[in-house]
Every structure is written in structure tokens, then in C-alpha cells.
């Protein structure tokens, strides 16, 4: 009697894999590493070509970028205008508006119930 989980050597999977101690199959080679990084050498912190070292210029550019972001965010459609109006409201006016909307909804429900009275 043989092992019920074992395989016989005549099966095709018996030769799969490689024996211990043998070399692994040769795989694809990696790309060669370039010997030279492009561009001229630069000292650390030198800034680069077009940036200036004037802090006022950097501040001016940052202010211009902030203005551009603010101008872009001010554009919007109906939902953006509703959101802006909601942001401008204070707490008491927002609560009063929500209360009025709730009262209108209750009155509409009461009117519908009165119409459907049997």
C-alpha cells in the first residue's frame, strides 16, 4: 500500500521546481544605471535659475497666488451663492429661518390632512 497523499514519479508534476543547491533560473536584467546626472553642478541653497533671493519678491508672489485662489473660489453657481449666504448668517437668524421653514412645513401637512379628511 502506498501513501494516499503522495505522488508517483510518473506524474508530470514530479519534475516541477528545482533541487536544493542549484542556481536559480536567470531572470531579466535590470536597466543600466546612468553614470551622469544631467545638468551642471550646483551648490546647495543656490536657488536655481529664475528665483530671486529678494524676500519682498517672494512675499509679492505669495500674495498674488493668494489673490488668485480667492478670486477662483469666489466663482460658483447657485449652490455656492447659497453657501455664502448661509455663512454670512449669524446663529439667531439661522435658527429663525429654520423655525420658519419648519412652521411652513407643519402648516402644509395640516392643510393636506384637512383636505383628505373623510
N, C-alpha and C. Protein backbone atom coordinates (compact mmCIF):
# COMPACT_ATOMS: atom_id res chain seq x y z
N UNK A 1 0.84 -1.18 0.00
CA UNK A 1 0.00 0.00 0.00
C UNK A 1 0.88 1.24 0.00
N UNK A 2 0.37 2.27 -0.66
CA UNK A 2 1.15 3.49 -0.75
C UNK A 2 0.51 4.63 0.03
N UNK A 3 1.14 5.74 -0.04
CA UNK A 3 0.64 6.94 0.63
C UNK A 3 -0.49 7.52 -0.22
N UNK A 4 -1.62 7.83 0.40
CA UNK A 4 -2.74 8.35 -0.39
C UNK A 4 -2.52 9.82 -0.80
N UNK A 5 -1.65 10.53 -0.11
CA UNK A 5 -1.39 11.93 -0.45
C UNK A 5 -0.15 12.09 -1.31
N UNK A 6 0.63 11.06 -1.48
CA UNK A 6 1.88 11.17 -2.22
C UNK A 6 1.66 11.08 -3.72
N UNK A 7 2.70 11.42 -4.49
CA UNK A 7 2.65 11.36 -5.94
C UNK A 7 3.66 10.34 -6.42
N UNK A 8 3.35 9.74 -7.52
CA UNK A 8 4.30 8.82 -8.12
C UNK A 8 5.19 9.60 -9.07
N UNK A 9 6.34 9.05 -9.39
CA UNK A 9 7.30 9.76 -10.24
C UNK A 9 6.85 9.85 -11.68
N UNK A 10 5.89 9.06 -12.09
CA UNK A 10 5.46 9.10 -13.47
C UNK A 10 4.55 10.30 -13.76
N UNK A 11 4.09 10.99 -12.72
CA UNK A 11 3.23 12.16 -12.94
C UNK A 11 4.06 13.33 -13.46
N UNK A 12 3.49 14.20 -14.29
CA UNK A 12 4.27 15.30 -14.88
C UNK A 12 4.74 16.34 -13.86
N UNK A 13 4.06 16.49 -12.73
CA UNK A 13 4.45 17.49 -11.74
C UNK A 13 5.64 17.05 -10.89
N UNK A 14 6.10 15.85 -11.07
CA UNK A 14 7.20 15.36 -10.24
C UNK A 14 8.49 16.11 -10.56
N UNK A 15 8.65 16.66 -11.76
CA UNK A 15 9.87 17.36 -12.12
C UNK A 15 9.76 18.88 -11.89
N UNK A 16 8.65 19.37 -11.36
CA UNK A 16 8.47 20.80 -11.16
C UNK A 16 9.42 21.29 -10.08
N UNK A 17 9.84 22.56 -10.18
CA UNK A 17 10.74 23.13 -9.20
C UNK A 17 12.18 22.84 -9.54
N UNK A 18 13.06 23.03 -8.57
CA UNK A 18 14.48 22.76 -8.78
C UNK A 18 15.04 22.13 -7.51
N UNK A 19 16.07 21.34 -7.62
CA UNK A 19 16.65 20.69 -6.44
C UNK A 19 17.42 21.70 -5.58
N UNK A 20 17.56 21.38 -4.32
CA UNK A 20 18.30 22.25 -3.41
C UNK A 20 19.74 22.38 -3.85
N UNK A 21 20.29 23.56 -3.68
CA UNK A 21 21.68 23.80 -4.02
C UNK A 21 21.91 24.20 -5.46
N UNK A 22 20.91 24.13 -6.31
CA UNK A 22 21.12 24.53 -7.70
C UNK A 22 20.87 26.03 -7.84
N UNK A 23 21.39 26.61 -8.88
CA UNK A 23 21.27 28.05 -9.11
C UNK A 23 19.86 28.38 -9.58
N UNK A 24 19.36 29.54 -9.20
CA UNK A 24 18.02 29.93 -9.66
C UNK A 24 18.05 30.25 -11.15
N UNK A 25 16.91 30.17 -11.80
CA UNK A 25 16.89 30.48 -13.24
C UNK A 25 17.23 31.96 -13.45
N UNK A 26 17.91 32.22 -14.55
CA UNK A 26 18.32 33.60 -14.81
C UNK A 26 17.10 34.41 -15.23
N UNK A 27 16.89 35.54 -14.55
CA UNK A 27 15.75 36.39 -14.83
C UNK A 27 16.15 37.54 -15.72
N UNK A 28 15.22 38.43 -16.00
CA UNK A 28 15.54 39.58 -16.85
C UNK A 28 16.49 40.52 -16.12
N UNK A 29 17.40 41.09 -16.86
CA UNK A 29 18.36 42.03 -16.29
C UNK A 29 17.68 43.36 -16.04
N UNK A 30 18.16 44.10 -15.05
CA UNK A 30 17.61 45.43 -14.78
C UNK A 30 18.23 46.43 -15.74
N UNK A 31 17.60 47.57 -15.85
CA UNK A 31 18.11 48.61 -16.73
C UNK A 31 19.41 49.16 -16.16
N UNK A 32 20.35 49.53 -17.02
CA UNK A 32 21.62 50.07 -16.52
C UNK A 32 21.41 51.44 -15.88
N UNK A 33 22.15 51.70 -14.84
CA UNK A 33 22.07 52.97 -14.13
C UNK A 33 22.88 54.01 -14.90
N UNK A 34 22.31 55.18 -15.17
CA UNK A 34 23.10 56.19 -15.89
C UNK A 34 24.26 56.67 -15.02
N UNK A 35 25.39 56.92 -15.66
CA UNK A 35 26.59 57.29 -14.92
C UNK A 35 26.60 58.76 -14.56
N UNK A 36 25.88 59.59 -15.32
CA UNK A 36 25.93 61.02 -15.08
C UNK A 36 24.52 61.56 -14.90
N UNK A 37 24.31 62.34 -13.88
CA UNK A 37 23.05 63.02 -13.69
C UNK A 37 23.11 64.30 -14.51
N UNK A 38 22.03 64.63 -15.19
CA UNK A 38 22.04 65.76 -16.11
C UNK A 38 22.20 67.10 -15.42
N UNK A 39 22.73 68.05 -16.15
CA UNK A 39 22.83 69.42 -15.69
C UNK A 39 24.16 69.74 -15.05
N UNK A 40 24.46 71.02 -14.96
CA UNK A 40 25.71 71.44 -14.34
C UNK A 40 25.64 71.30 -12.82
N UNK A 41 26.77 71.19 -12.16
CA UNK A 41 26.75 71.08 -10.70
C UNK A 41 26.32 72.40 -10.07
N UNK A 42 25.61 72.30 -8.95
CA UNK A 42 25.14 73.50 -8.25
C UNK A 42 25.47 73.36 -6.78
N UNK A 43 25.66 74.47 -6.12
CA UNK A 43 25.86 74.44 -4.67
C UNK A 43 24.52 74.40 -3.98
N UNK A 44 24.50 73.80 -2.82
CA UNK A 44 23.27 73.65 -2.07
C UNK A 44 22.75 75.00 -1.62
N UNK A 45 21.48 75.27 -1.86
CA UNK A 45 20.87 76.53 -1.45
C UNK A 45 21.12 77.67 -2.40
N UNK A 46 21.64 77.39 -3.58
CA UNK A 46 21.92 78.48 -4.51
C UNK A 46 20.66 78.99 -5.18
N UNK A 47 19.58 78.28 -5.07
CA UNK A 47 18.32 78.78 -5.58
C UNK A 47 17.95 78.28 -6.95
N UNK A 48 18.72 78.23 -7.87
CA UNK A 48 18.31 77.83 -9.20
C UNK A 48 18.32 79.02 -10.13
N UNK A 49 17.79 78.86 -11.31
CA UNK A 49 17.91 79.87 -12.34
C UNK A 49 17.05 81.10 -12.16
N UNK A 50 15.72 80.96 -12.09
CA UNK A 50 14.87 82.13 -12.19
C UNK A 50 14.39 82.68 -10.86
N UNK A 51 14.62 82.02 -9.76
CA UNK A 51 14.11 82.54 -8.49
C UNK A 51 15.07 83.58 -7.94
N UNK A 52 14.51 84.63 -7.38
CA UNK A 52 15.36 85.69 -6.84
C UNK A 52 15.49 85.51 -5.33
N UNK A 53 16.50 86.12 -4.77
CA UNK A 53 16.73 85.98 -3.33
C UNK A 53 16.06 87.08 -2.54
N UNK A 54 15.33 87.98 -3.19
CA UNK A 54 14.67 89.09 -2.52
C UNK A 54 13.44 88.57 -1.78
N UNK A 55 13.38 88.75 -0.44
CA UNK A 55 12.21 88.25 0.29
C UNK A 55 10.94 89.03 -0.06
N UNK A 56 11.07 90.28 -0.46
CA UNK A 56 9.90 91.06 -0.87
C UNK A 56 9.26 90.50 -2.12
N UNK A 57 10.10 90.01 -3.03
CA UNK A 57 9.59 89.42 -4.26
C UNK A 57 8.83 88.13 -3.95
N UNK A 58 9.36 87.32 -3.05
CA UNK A 58 8.68 86.09 -2.65
C UNK A 58 7.35 86.41 -1.97
N UNK A 59 7.35 87.44 -1.15
CA UNK A 59 6.11 87.85 -0.47
C UNK A 59 5.08 88.33 -1.48
N UNK A 60 5.54 89.08 -2.49
CA UNK A 60 4.63 89.59 -3.52
C UNK A 60 4.03 88.43 -4.32
N UNK A 61 4.88 87.45 -4.66
CA UNK A 61 4.38 86.30 -5.41
C UNK A 61 3.38 85.49 -4.59
N UNK A 62 3.64 85.36 -3.29
CA UNK A 62 2.70 84.63 -2.43
C UNK A 62 1.38 85.37 -2.33
N UNK A 63 1.43 86.70 -2.24
CA UNK A 63 0.19 87.49 -2.18
C UNK A 63 -0.60 87.37 -3.47
N UNK A 64 0.09 87.39 -4.61
CA UNK A 64 -0.59 87.23 -5.89
C UNK A 64 -1.25 85.86 -5.99
N UNK A 65 -0.57 84.83 -5.52
CA UNK A 65 -1.14 83.49 -5.55
C UNK A 65 -2.37 83.40 -4.65
N UNK A 66 -2.31 84.04 -3.48
CA UNK A 66 -3.45 84.03 -2.57
C UNK A 66 -4.64 84.77 -3.18
N UNK A 67 -4.38 85.89 -3.85
CA UNK A 67 -5.47 86.62 -4.51
C UNK A 67 -6.08 85.79 -5.62
N UNK A 68 -5.25 85.07 -6.36
CA UNK A 68 -5.77 84.23 -7.45
C UNK A 68 -6.63 83.11 -6.89
N UNK A 69 -6.21 82.52 -5.76
CA UNK A 69 -7.02 81.47 -5.13
C UNK A 69 -8.34 82.03 -4.63
N UNK A 70 -8.31 83.21 -4.02
CA UNK A 70 -9.54 83.82 -3.51
C UNK A 70 -10.49 84.16 -4.65
N UNK A 71 -9.94 84.65 -5.76
CA UNK A 71 -10.78 85.00 -6.90
C UNK A 71 -11.39 83.74 -7.50
N UNK A 72 -10.63 82.67 -7.56
CA UNK A 72 -11.14 81.42 -8.14
C UNK A 72 -12.21 80.81 -7.25
N UNK A 73 -12.08 80.95 -5.93
CA UNK A 73 -13.06 80.35 -5.03
C UNK A 73 -14.34 81.17 -4.96
N UNK A 74 -14.27 82.46 -5.32
CA UNK A 74 -15.48 83.29 -5.26
C UNK A 74 -16.45 82.95 -6.38
N UNK A 75 -15.95 82.37 -7.47
CA UNK A 75 -16.83 81.97 -8.56
C UNK A 75 -17.65 80.77 -8.11
N UNK A 76 -18.82 80.65 -8.65
CA UNK A 76 -19.64 79.49 -8.32
C UNK A 76 -21.05 79.70 -8.80
N UNK A 77 -21.83 78.67 -8.70
CA UNK A 77 -23.20 78.72 -9.17
C UNK A 77 -24.18 78.98 -8.05
N UNK A 78 -25.33 78.38 -8.20
CA UNK A 78 -26.42 78.59 -7.24
C UNK A 78 -26.05 78.04 -5.86
N UNK A 79 -25.49 76.86 -5.82
CA UNK A 79 -25.15 76.26 -4.53
C UNK A 79 -24.07 77.06 -3.80
N UNK A 80 -23.11 77.59 -4.55
CA UNK A 80 -22.05 78.38 -3.92
C UNK A 80 -22.63 79.66 -3.34
N UNK A 81 -23.57 80.29 -4.05
CA UNK A 81 -24.17 81.51 -3.52
C UNK A 81 -25.01 81.21 -2.29
N UNK A 82 -25.70 80.07 -2.28
CA UNK A 82 -26.46 79.68 -1.09
C UNK A 82 -25.53 79.42 0.09
N UNK A 83 -24.41 78.78 -0.18
CA UNK A 83 -23.46 78.50 0.89
C UNK A 83 -22.87 79.79 1.44
N UNK A 84 -22.54 80.73 0.56
CA UNK A 84 -22.00 82.01 1.01
C UNK A 84 -23.03 82.76 1.85
N UNK A 85 -24.30 82.74 1.43
CA UNK A 85 -25.35 83.41 2.21
C UNK A 85 -25.51 82.75 3.57
N UNK A 86 -25.40 81.43 3.61
CA UNK A 86 -25.53 80.72 4.87
C UNK A 86 -24.36 81.02 5.80
N UNK A 87 -23.17 81.18 5.23
CA UNK A 87 -22.01 81.51 6.05
C UNK A 87 -22.13 82.90 6.66
N UNK A 88 -22.79 83.82 5.94
CA UNK A 88 -22.92 85.19 6.41
C UNK A 88 -23.93 85.33 7.55
N UNK A 89 -24.86 84.40 7.66
CA UNK A 89 -25.88 84.48 8.71
C UNK A 89 -25.26 84.22 10.07
N UNK A 90 -25.82 84.89 11.08
CA UNK A 90 -25.39 84.57 12.43
C UNK A 90 -26.29 83.47 12.98
N UNK A 91 -26.03 83.03 14.17
CA UNK A 91 -26.74 81.87 14.73
C UNK A 91 -28.23 82.14 14.91
N UNK A 92 -28.59 83.30 15.43
CA UNK A 92 -30.01 83.56 15.70
C UNK A 92 -30.82 83.65 14.41
N UNK A 93 -30.27 84.28 13.38
CA UNK A 93 -31.02 84.37 12.13
C UNK A 93 -31.13 83.01 11.46
N UNK A 94 -30.11 82.18 11.60
CA UNK A 94 -30.18 80.83 11.02
C UNK A 94 -31.24 80.00 11.73
N UNK A 95 -31.31 80.12 13.06
CA UNK A 95 -32.33 79.38 13.81
C UNK A 95 -33.73 79.90 13.48
N UNK A 96 -33.87 81.21 13.32
CA UNK A 96 -35.18 81.77 12.98
C UNK A 96 -35.63 81.29 11.61
N UNK A 97 -34.72 81.24 10.66
CA UNK A 97 -35.08 80.76 9.32
C UNK A 97 -35.46 79.28 9.35
N UNK A 98 -34.73 78.48 10.10
CA UNK A 98 -35.06 77.06 10.21
C UNK A 98 -36.42 76.88 10.88
N UNK A 99 -36.71 77.71 11.88
CA UNK A 99 -38.00 77.63 12.56
C UNK A 99 -39.14 78.00 11.61
N UNK A 100 -38.95 79.04 10.81
CA UNK A 100 -39.98 79.43 9.85
C UNK A 100 -40.23 78.34 8.82
N UNK A 101 -39.18 77.70 8.36
CA UNK A 101 -39.34 76.62 7.39
C UNK A 101 -40.10 75.45 8.01
N UNK A 102 -39.81 75.15 9.27
CA UNK A 102 -40.50 74.06 9.96
C UNK A 102 -41.98 74.40 10.15
N UNK A 103 -42.29 75.65 10.49
CA UNK A 103 -43.69 76.07 10.64
C UNK A 103 -44.44 75.96 9.31
N UNK A 104 -43.80 76.36 8.22
CA UNK A 104 -44.44 76.25 6.91
C UNK A 104 -44.69 74.79 6.54
N UNK A 105 -43.77 73.92 6.87
CA UNK A 105 -43.94 72.50 6.58
C UNK A 105 -45.09 71.93 7.41
N UNK A 106 -45.20 72.33 8.68
CA UNK A 106 -46.31 71.85 9.53
C UNK A 106 -47.65 72.34 8.99
N UNK A 107 -47.70 73.61 8.58
CA UNK A 107 -48.95 74.15 8.04
C UNK A 107 -49.35 73.43 6.76
N UNK A 108 -48.38 73.11 5.92
CA UNK A 108 -48.68 72.38 4.69
C UNK A 108 -49.19 70.98 5.01
N UNK A 109 -48.61 70.33 5.99
CA UNK A 109 -49.08 69.00 6.39
C UNK A 109 -50.49 69.06 6.97
N UNK A 110 -50.76 70.10 7.77
CA UNK A 110 -52.09 70.24 8.35
C UNK A 110 -53.13 70.51 7.27
N UNK A 111 -52.78 71.32 6.27
CA UNK A 111 -53.71 71.59 5.17
C UNK A 111 -53.97 70.33 4.37
N UNK A 112 -52.96 69.53 4.12
CA UNK A 112 -53.14 68.28 3.38
C UNK A 112 -54.00 67.31 4.17
N UNK A 113 -53.84 67.28 5.48
CA UNK A 113 -54.64 66.40 6.31
C UNK A 113 -56.10 66.87 6.33
N UNK A 114 -56.33 68.17 6.34
CA UNK A 114 -57.70 68.70 6.34
C UNK A 114 -58.38 68.40 5.00
N UNK A 115 -57.64 68.46 3.90
CA UNK A 115 -58.23 68.16 2.60
C UNK A 115 -58.61 66.70 2.49
N UNK A 116 -57.84 65.83 3.10
CA UNK A 116 -58.07 64.39 2.98
C UNK A 116 -58.97 63.86 4.09
N UNK A 117 -59.63 64.72 4.81
CA UNK A 117 -60.50 64.29 5.91
C UNK A 117 -61.70 63.55 5.36
N UNK A 118 -62.01 62.41 5.96
CA UNK A 118 -63.16 61.63 5.49
C UNK A 118 -64.20 61.50 6.55
